[in-house]
Amino acid sequence: MQPAETLRTSKAKSFGYLLLSALFVVGSAWMGSEGQVLGWFCAAFFGIGVIVFTINLLPNSSFLVLNSEGFKIRSSYRERSYKWTEVETFEVASIGFKRMIVFNFSNTYTGQPRMRRIASAMTGAEGALPDTYGLSLHQLADKMNRLIMARASRFIDRIMRRLLWYFG
C-alpha cells in the first residue's frame, strides 16, 4: 500500500479572495448607507464570502488526501471520503464559467441518491472537486484516474493469483 499524499489549497488564492470580498463588503455597505437597499444585500452576500475565505485560511480547513484505497476531500472542515471503486472516472468539464474536475459514481456507490440526481441534472456530473490543490486540472484528473486504474489492476491481480492457486 502506498503512503497517503496530501494536497492543499492555495492560501495565497484564498487570501486574495478574502481581500476582494472585504472590498466588496465596504463598497456595498457604502451604497447601503447612501440609501440603496441593494447595497445591504450585497454587503451581506460578500460578508459570507469573507467568512468562507477566512475559514479556508485556517490550518487543515481544506485539503485532498489520496491513497491506494481512495480519496478524502476536506473543504471548510467538512469531509467526504470515497473509495476508488466507487468512482468511474475523473474528467475536466465546464460548470457555468468555471472549469472543474468532475466525476460520476460507479454502480457500487449507493450514497446520496437524491443529491447525485440533482447535481447530474444541473451540471452533467454527480460530483466535483472544489479545488485543484496546486496542480493543473489535467494533472490532477490524470493522477486520480491513474490511482483508479492501479486499484483495478491490484484487484485483477489478486483474483488471478487466487484462480492460479485454486486451479494450479
Protein backbone atom coordinates (compact mmCIF):
# COMPACT_ATOMS: atom_id res chain seq x y z
CA MET A 1 0.00 0.00 0.00
CA GLN A 2 1.37 3.39 -0.97
CA PRO A 3 1.59 6.19 1.60
CA ALA A 4 -1.09 8.86 1.58
CA GLU A 5 -0.42 12.05 -0.34
CA THR A 6 -1.98 15.26 0.96
CA LEU A 7 -2.59 18.12 -1.48
CA ARG A 8 -3.52 21.51 -0.04
CA THR A 9 -5.41 24.53 -1.30
CA SER A 10 -3.55 27.73 -2.11
CA LYS A 11 -3.51 30.09 0.89
CA ALA A 12 -2.49 32.97 -1.40
CA LYS A 13 -5.57 32.46 -3.58
CA SER A 14 -7.85 32.29 -0.53
CA PHE A 15 -6.25 35.44 0.88
CA GLY A 16 -6.77 37.24 -2.43
CA TYR A 17 -10.45 36.25 -2.50
CA LEU A 18 -10.76 37.34 1.15
CA LEU A 19 -9.40 40.80 0.34
CA LEU A 20 -11.61 41.11 -2.72
CA SER A 21 -14.70 40.09 -0.73
CA ALA A 22 -13.81 42.56 2.04
CA LEU A 23 -13.50 45.38 -0.51
CA PHE A 24 -16.92 44.50 -1.92
CA VAL A 25 -18.38 44.49 1.60
CA VAL A 26 -17.04 48.00 2.20
CA GLY A 27 -18.29 49.25 -1.17
CA SER A 28 -21.68 47.61 -0.75
CA ALA A 29 -22.08 48.96 2.79
CA TRP A 30 -21.25 52.42 1.47
CA MET A 31 -24.01 52.02 -1.16
CA GLY A 32 -26.40 50.93 1.61
CA SER A 33 -25.51 53.93 3.75
CA GLU A 34 -26.36 56.17 0.79
CA GLY A 35 -29.91 54.78 0.82
CA GLN A 36 -29.60 51.99 -1.74
CA VAL A 37 -31.18 48.90 -0.18
CA LEU A 38 -29.43 46.62 -2.68
CA GLY A 39 -26.14 47.68 -1.12
CA TRP A 40 -27.04 46.00 2.17
CA PHE A 41 -27.93 42.76 0.40
CA CYS A 42 -24.64 42.84 -1.48
CA ALA A 43 -22.75 43.57 1.76
CA ALA A 44 -24.37 40.53 3.38
CA PHE A 45 -23.55 38.34 0.36
CA PHE A 46 -19.89 39.37 0.24
CA GLY A 47 -19.73 39.16 4.05
CA ILE A 48 -20.45 35.44 3.69
CA GLY A 49 -17.51 35.32 1.29
CA VAL A 50 -15.30 36.95 3.94
CA ILE A 51 -16.32 34.23 6.41
CA VAL A 52 -15.75 31.38 3.95
CA PHE A 53 -12.33 32.59 2.80
CA THR A 54 -11.26 33.28 6.39
CA ILE A 55 -12.14 29.67 7.27
CA ASN A 56 -10.13 28.47 4.25
CA LEU A 57 -7.06 30.24 5.65
CA LEU A 58 -7.22 28.29 8.91
CA PRO A 59 -4.91 25.26 9.29
CA ASN A 60 -6.24 21.96 7.90
CA SER A 61 -9.51 23.51 6.76
CA SER A 62 -9.21 22.31 3.16
CA PHE A 63 -7.19 19.55 1.51
CA LEU A 64 -7.32 16.43 -0.65
CA VAL A 65 -5.82 13.14 0.59
CA LEU A 66 -5.02 10.43 -1.97
CA ASN A 67 -4.06 6.89 -1.02
CA SER A 68 -4.24 3.43 -2.56
CA GLU A 69 -7.79 2.80 -1.28
CA GLY A 70 -9.47 6.10 -2.15
CA PHE A 71 -9.55 9.82 -1.54
CA LYS A 72 -10.77 12.24 1.10
CA ILE A 73 -11.92 15.80 0.37
CA ARG A 74 -11.98 18.34 3.18
CA SER A 75 -13.45 21.75 2.39
CA SER A 76 -14.16 24.28 5.14
CA TYR A 77 -13.73 21.47 7.70
CA ARG A 78 -16.41 19.29 6.05
CA GLU A 79 -15.06 15.89 4.97
CA ARG A 80 -16.19 13.31 2.46
CA SER A 81 -14.33 10.08 1.69
CA TYR A 82 -14.71 7.81 -1.32
CA LYS A 83 -13.12 4.55 -2.39
CA TRP A 84 -11.60 4.29 -5.88
CA THR A 85 -14.11 1.52 -6.62
CA GLU A 86 -16.96 3.99 -6.04
CA VAL A 87 -15.86 6.37 -8.83
CA GLU A 88 -15.90 5.69 -12.57
CA THR A 89 -13.54 8.36 -13.89
CA PHE A 90 -12.38 11.95 -13.39
CA GLU A 91 -12.78 14.48 -16.20
CA VAL A 92 -12.26 18.18 -16.76
CA ALA A 93 -15.54 19.95 -17.51
CA SER A 94 -17.04 23.43 -17.52
CA ILE A 95 -19.68 24.17 -14.93
CA GLY A 96 -21.05 27.60 -15.66
CA PHE A 97 -18.00 29.78 -16.27
CA LYS A 98 -15.64 27.63 -14.20
CA ARG A 99 -13.63 24.62 -15.34
CA MET A 100 -13.51 21.89 -12.71
CA ILE A 101 -12.68 18.25 -12.19
CA VAL A 102 -15.93 16.30 -12.17
CA PHE A 103 -16.75 12.64 -11.63
CA ASN A 104 -19.59 10.17 -11.71
CA PHE A 105 -20.03 7.39 -9.21
CA SER A 106 -19.91 3.72 -10.13
CA ASN A 107 -22.82 1.34 -9.57
CA THR A 108 -21.25 0.18 -6.29
CA TYR A 109 -21.78 3.59 -4.66
CA THR A 110 -25.25 3.94 -3.20
CA GLY A 111 -24.88 7.10 -1.11
CA GLN A 112 -26.77 10.37 -1.60
CA PRO A 113 -29.01 9.27 -4.49
CA ARG A 114 -31.19 12.41 -4.46
CA MET A 115 -28.25 14.84 -4.35
CA ARG A 116 -26.48 12.91 -7.11
CA ARG A 117 -29.56 13.15 -9.37
CA ILE A 118 -29.85 16.90 -8.70
CA ALA A 119 -26.13 17.50 -9.32
CA SER A 120 -26.21 15.42 -12.50
CA ALA A 121 -29.25 17.28 -13.82
CA MET A 122 -27.66 20.67 -13.09
CA THR A 123 -24.08 20.01 -14.19
CA GLY A 124 -23.93 16.69 -16.06
CA ALA A 125 -21.81 15.12 -13.31
CA GLU A 126 -22.59 13.63 -9.91
CA GLY A 127 -19.61 15.10 -8.09
CA ALA A 128 -16.83 17.67 -8.41
CA LEU A 129 -13.61 18.58 -6.66
CA PRO A 130 -13.71 22.07 -5.09
CA ASP A 131 -10.09 22.92 -5.99
CA THR A 132 -7.09 21.72 -7.98
CA TYR A 133 -4.77 21.78 -4.96
CA GLY A 134 -1.81 23.37 -6.70
CA LEU A 135 -1.95 21.18 -9.81
CA SER A 136 -3.43 21.89 -13.22
CA LEU A 137 -6.88 20.48 -13.93
CA HIS A 138 -5.50 17.82 -16.26
CA GLN A 139 -2.60 16.90 -13.95
CA LEU A 140 -4.95 16.22 -11.03
CA ALA A 141 -7.55 14.38 -13.14
CA ASP A 142 -4.81 12.18 -14.66
CA LYS A 143 -3.27 11.48 -11.25
CA MET A 144 -6.62 10.40 -9.81
CA ASN A 145 -7.50 8.30 -12.89
CA ARG A 146 -4.13 6.52 -12.57
CA LEU A 147 -4.97 5.69 -8.95
CA ILE A 148 -8.34 4.24 -10.06
CA MET A 149 -6.54 2.08 -12.63
CA ALA A 150 -3.89 0.97 -10.11
CA ARG A 151 -6.65 -0.13 -7.73
CA ALA A 152 -8.38 -2.08 -10.52
CA SER A 153 -5.07 -3.66 -11.53
CA ARG A 154 -4.37 -4.83 -7.95
CA PHE A 155 -7.89 -6.28 -7.75
CA ILE A 156 -7.45 -8.23 -11.01
CA ASP A 157 -4.01 -9.41 -9.91
CA ARG A 158 -5.45 -10.71 -6.62
CA ILE A 159 -8.21 -12.61 -8.46
CA MET A 160 -5.71 -14.15 -10.88
CA ARG A 161 -3.47 -15.32 -8.03
CA ARG A 162 -6.45 -16.95 -6.31
CA LEU A 163 -7.51 -18.66 -9.53
CA LEU A 164 -3.98 -19.91 -10.12
CA TRP A 165 -3.80 -21.20 -6.55
CA TYR A 166 -7.21 -22.85 -6.82
CA PHE A 167 -6.69 -24.47 -10.23
CA GLY A 168 -2.90 -24.60 -10.03
